[in-house]
């Protein structure tokens, strides 16, 4: 199985779906022991409505994700297909893929 992203402490996914009302476009697989926190959508919205500091933090995190996505898309759009493949292969190699895992 190919890992596209490895989430660390204090990282999350599915948060955009809480606002859009659409299912998350991805899933997660746990590879080792971990603690997972989950908040149901309505409860999450109640919490950010009640706590402005939390709301600001969530919006900041979403803005960071969106900014990173824009940078990635801009980078990819400026590359020829061959460059995209080579960069992806280099990324895989630098992240330990193909090393027998």
Protein backbone atom coordinates (compact mmCIF):
# COMPACT_ATOMS: atom_id res chain seq x y z
CA UNK A 1 0.00 0.00 0.00
CA UNK A 2 1.32 3.42 -0.96
CA UNK A 3 1.18 6.11 1.71
CA UNK A 4 0.45 9.48 0.18
CA UNK A 5 0.67 11.39 3.45
CA UNK A 6 1.73 10.54 6.94
CA UNK A 7 -0.05 12.58 9.57
CA UNK A 8 1.74 13.53 12.73
CA UNK A 9 0.69 14.84 16.09
CA UNK A 10 -1.92 17.62 15.94
CA UNK A 11 -2.61 17.02 12.24
CA UNK A 12 -6.03 16.30 10.87
CA UNK A 13 -8.03 15.43 7.81
CA UNK A 14 -11.67 15.61 6.89
CA UNK A 15 -12.04 19.11 8.26
CA UNK A 16 -13.01 20.62 4.91
CA UNK A 17 -15.88 18.13 4.72
CA UNK A 18 -17.23 19.49 8.00
CA UNK A 19 -17.83 22.80 6.26
CA UNK A 20 -18.72 21.61 2.76
CA UNK A 21 -21.10 18.84 3.82
CA UNK A 22 -19.49 16.45 1.34
CA UNK A 23 -17.77 13.17 2.22
CA UNK A 24 -13.99 13.36 2.68
CA UNK A 25 -12.21 12.65 -0.59
CA UNK A 26 -9.76 10.35 1.19
CA UNK A 27 -9.49 7.71 3.89
CA UNK A 28 -6.95 6.89 6.56
CA UNK A 29 -5.22 3.68 7.50
CA UNK A 30 -3.49 3.32 10.84
CA UNK A 31 -0.06 1.69 10.56
CA UNK A 32 0.85 1.59 14.27
CA UNK A 33 -0.68 2.32 17.66
CA UNK A 34 -2.18 5.77 17.81
CA UNK A 35 -4.78 7.90 19.49
CA UNK A 36 -7.51 9.21 17.28
CA UNK A 37 -9.91 11.97 18.09
CA UNK A 38 -13.10 12.39 16.15
CA UNK A 39 -15.76 15.05 16.42
CA UNK A 40 -19.18 14.73 14.79
CA UNK A 41 -19.95 17.58 12.38
CA UNK A 42 -22.77 19.26 14.30
CA UNK A 43 -20.81 19.13 17.57
CA UNK A 44 -17.76 20.56 15.80
CA UNK A 45 -19.79 23.51 14.46
CA UNK A 46 -21.23 24.12 17.93
CA UNK A 47 -17.72 24.21 19.40
CA UNK A 48 -16.32 26.69 16.87
CA UNK A 49 -19.42 28.87 17.24
CA UNK A 50 -18.95 28.94 21.02
CA UNK A 51 -15.17 29.46 21.07
CA UNK A 52 -13.78 32.23 18.89
CA UNK A 53 -10.20 31.16 19.59
CA UNK A 54 -10.94 27.70 18.27
CA UNK A 55 -12.68 29.17 15.24
CA UNK A 56 -9.64 31.33 14.46
CA UNK A 57 -7.31 28.33 14.83
CA UNK A 58 -9.44 26.14 12.54
CA UNK A 59 -9.68 28.89 9.90
CA UNK A 60 -5.92 29.42 10.09
CA UNK A 61 -5.28 25.68 9.57
CA UNK A 62 -7.70 25.58 6.63
CA UNK A 63 -6.06 28.64 5.09
CA UNK A 64 -2.65 26.97 5.41
CA UNK A 65 -3.93 23.84 3.67
CA UNK A 66 -5.52 25.88 0.91
CA UNK A 67 -2.38 27.94 0.42
CA UNK A 68 -0.24 24.78 0.21
CA UNK A 69 -2.67 23.32 -2.33
CA UNK A 70 -2.50 26.44 -4.50
CA UNK A 71 1.30 26.35 -4.43
CA UNK A 72 1.31 22.69 -5.40
CA UNK A 73 -1.15 23.24 -8.25
CA UNK A 74 0.79 26.23 -9.57
CA UNK A 75 3.98 24.18 -9.47
CA UNK A 76 2.39 21.22 -11.26
CA UNK A 77 0.73 23.36 -13.94
CA UNK A 78 4.07 24.90 -14.89
CA UNK A 79 5.69 21.50 -15.53
CA UNK A 80 5.69 19.33 -18.60
CA UNK A 81 4.26 15.81 -18.01
CA UNK A 82 7.75 14.25 -17.98
CA UNK A 83 8.86 16.67 -15.27
CA UNK A 84 5.79 15.82 -13.18
CA UNK A 85 6.61 12.10 -13.35
CA UNK A 86 10.30 12.61 -12.49
CA UNK A 87 9.48 14.91 -9.57
CA UNK A 88 6.94 12.44 -8.22
CA UNK A 89 9.42 9.55 -8.52
CA UNK A 90 12.06 11.65 -6.76
CA UNK A 91 9.57 12.44 -3.99
CA UNK A 92 8.74 8.74 -3.59
CA UNK A 93 12.45 7.85 -3.39
CA UNK A 94 13.21 10.61 -0.89
CA UNK A 95 10.37 9.41 1.33
CA UNK A 96 11.54 5.80 1.46
CA UNK A 97 9.19 4.26 -1.06
CA UNK A 98 10.68 1.46 -3.14
CA UNK A 99 13.07 0.52 -0.35
CA UNK A 100 11.37 -2.81 0.24
CA UNK A 101 8.60 -1.57 2.57
